[in-house]
Amino acid sequence: MSGFLKSIRQPLGDILRLDEVKRQAIVDALDKCRGNYCLAARSLGIGKTTVYRMARQYNYQHPQTQEQQSVDRFVT
């Protein structure tokens, strides 16, 4: 079990908040798919629009995208 899942455990035992489970599933899928929303959606069995909406809801930004934006700021 990942450290994240251990850290969000509730005092009642193994009960996890559904919103945290969904957030982690989206983040894990996007990270493993290198920020490819279509591939992440396919791997999760949900629509691409749902992945976009949930990623925006959880303020997700792929690390490579963040690095590229930093480089772009210095180049322009």
C-alpha atoms as a PDB file:
ATOM      1  CA  MET A   1       0.000   0.000   0.000  1.00  0.00           C
ATOM      2  CA  SER A   2       1.324   3.433  -0.886  1.00  0.00           C
ATOM      3  CA  GLY A   3       2.287   5.980   1.743  1.00  0.00           C
ATOM      4  CA  PHE A   4      -0.450   8.269   0.491  1.00  0.00           C
ATOM      5  CA  LEU A   5      -3.185   5.732   1.194  1.00  0.00           C
ATOM      6  CA  LYS A   6      -1.794   5.105   4.664  1.00  0.00           C
ATOM      7  CA  SER A   7      -1.801   8.839   5.371  1.00  0.00           C
ATOM      8  CA  ILE A   8      -5.490   9.317   4.521  1.00  0.00           C
ATOM      9  CA  ARG A   9      -6.817   6.440   6.585  1.00  0.00           C
ATOM     10  CA  GLN A  10      -9.613   7.455   8.904  1.00  0.00           C
ATOM     11  CA  PRO A  11      -9.739   6.665  12.642  1.00  0.00           C
ATOM     12  CA  LEU A  12     -12.442   4.069  11.900  1.00  0.00           C
ATOM     13  CA  GLY A  13      -9.977   1.685  10.282  1.00  0.00           C
ATOM     14  CA  ASP A  14      -9.706   0.986   6.582  1.00  0.00           C
ATOM     15  CA  ILE A  15     -12.348   3.477   5.439  1.00  0.00           C
ATOM     16  CA  LEU A  16     -11.047   5.892   2.809  1.00  0.00           C
ATOM     17  CA  ARG A  17     -12.792   9.036   1.618  1.00  0.00           C
ATOM     18  CA  LEU A  18     -14.123   8.489  -1.886  1.00  0.00           C
ATOM     19  CA  ASP A  19     -12.970  11.902  -3.132  1.00  0.00           C
ATOM     20  CA  GLU A  20      -9.398  11.103  -2.064  1.00  0.00           C
ATOM     21  CA  VAL A  21      -9.486   7.716  -3.780  1.00  0.00           C
ATOM     22  CA  LYS A  22     -10.772   9.316  -6.999  1.00  0.00           C
ATOM     23  CA  ARG A  23      -8.170  12.089  -6.829  1.00  0.00           C
ATOM     24  CA  GLN A  24      -5.354   9.619  -6.342  1.00  0.00           C
ATOM     25  CA  ALA A  25      -6.607   7.418  -9.210  1.00  0.00           C
ATOM     26  CA  ILE A  26      -6.633  10.398 -11.580  1.00  0.00           C
ATOM     27  CA  VAL A  27      -3.200  11.628 -10.474  1.00  0.00           C
ATOM     28  CA  ASP A  28      -1.651   8.141 -10.679  1.00  0.00           C
ATOM     29  CA  ALA A  29      -3.120   7.485 -14.135  1.00  0.00           C
ATOM     30  CA  LEU A  30      -1.973  10.844 -15.513  1.00  0.00           C
ATOM     31  CA  ASP A  31       1.506  10.411 -14.039  1.00  0.00           C
ATOM     32  CA  LYS A  32       1.862   6.892 -15.450  1.00  0.00           C
ATOM     33  CA  CYS A  33       0.532   8.074 -18.827  1.00  0.00           C
ATOM     34  CA  ARG A  34       2.948  11.045 -18.786  1.00  0.00           C
ATOM     35  CA  GLY A  35       0.137  13.586 -18.796  1.00  0.00           C
ATOM     36  CA  ASN A  36      -1.707  11.987 -21.734  1.00  0.00           C
ATOM     37  CA  TYR A  37      -5.356  12.563 -20.844  1.00  0.00           C
ATOM     38  CA  CYS A  38      -6.729  10.244 -23.554  1.00  0.00           C
ATOM     39  CA  LEU A  39      -4.539   7.342 -22.466  1.00  0.00           C
ATOM     40  CA  ALA A  40      -5.286   7.973 -18.777  1.00  0.00           C
ATOM     41  CA  ALA A  41      -9.024   8.001 -19.499  1.00  0.00           C
ATOM     42  CA  ARG A  42      -8.781   4.748 -21.434  1.00  0.00           C
ATOM     43  CA  SER A  43      -6.774   3.088 -18.644  1.00  0.00           C
ATOM     44  CA  LEU A  44      -9.336   4.214 -16.025  1.00  0.00           C
ATOM     45  CA  GLY A  45     -12.323   3.229 -18.161  1.00  0.00           C
ATOM     46  CA  ILE A  46     -13.819   6.737 -18.087  1.00  0.00           C
ATOM     47  CA  GLY A  47     -14.274   9.521 -20.612  1.00  0.00           C
ATOM     48  CA  LYS A  48     -11.542  11.974 -21.557  1.00  0.00           C
ATOM     49  CA  THR A  49     -13.779  14.877 -20.574  1.00  0.00           C
ATOM     50  CA  THR A  50     -14.189  13.386 -17.102  1.00  0.00           C
ATOM     51  CA  VAL A  51     -10.409  13.155 -16.697  1.00  0.00           C
ATOM     52  CA  TYR A  52     -10.007  16.796 -17.789  1.00  0.00           C
ATOM     53  CA  ARG A  53     -12.762  17.920 -15.409  1.00  0.00           C
ATOM     54  CA  MET A  54     -11.425  15.958 -12.444  1.00  0.00           C
ATOM     55  CA  ALA A  55      -7.815  17.019 -13.093  1.00  0.00           C
ATOM     56  CA  ARG A  56      -8.949  20.643 -13.129  1.00  0.00           C
ATOM     57  CA  GLN A  57     -11.026  20.066  -9.984  1.00  0.00           C
ATOM     58  CA  TYR A  58      -7.998  18.616  -8.186  1.00  0.00           C
ATOM     59  CA  ASN A  59      -5.633  21.299  -9.589  1.00  0.00           C
ATOM     60  CA  TYR A  60      -3.508  18.639 -11.279  1.00  0.00           C
ATOM     61  CA  GLN A  61      -0.672  19.683 -13.550  1.00  0.00           C
ATOM     62  CA  HIS A  62       1.777  17.140 -14.891  1.00  0.00           C
ATOM     63  CA  PRO A  63       5.367  17.796 -13.686  1.00  0.00           C
ATOM     64  CA  GLN A  64       6.735  17.932 -17.264  1.00  0.00           C
ATOM     65  CA  THR A  65       4.170  20.597 -18.110  1.00  0.00           C
ATOM     66  CA  GLN A  66       5.231  22.647 -15.083  1.00  0.00           C
ATOM     67  CA  GLU A  67       8.909  22.359 -16.077  1.00  0.00           C
ATOM     68  CA  GLN A  68       8.140  23.401 -19.660  1.00  0.00           C
ATOM     69  CA  GLN A  69       6.215  26.463 -18.454  1.00  0.00           C
ATOM     70  CA  SER A  70       9.206  27.488 -16.337  1.00  0.00           C
ATOM     71  CA  VAL A  71      11.515  27.177 -19.340  1.00  0.00           C
ATOM     72  CA  ASP A  72       9.062  29.111 -21.543  1.00  0.00           C
ATOM     73  CA  ARG A  73       9.053  32.018 -19.097  1.00  0.00           C
ATOM     74  CA  PHE A  74      12.805  32.417 -19.370  1.00  0.00           C
ATOM     75  CA  VAL A  75      12.954  31.952 -23.148  1.00  0.00           C
ATOM     76  CA  THR A  76      10.303  34.541 -24.045  1.00  0.00           C
END
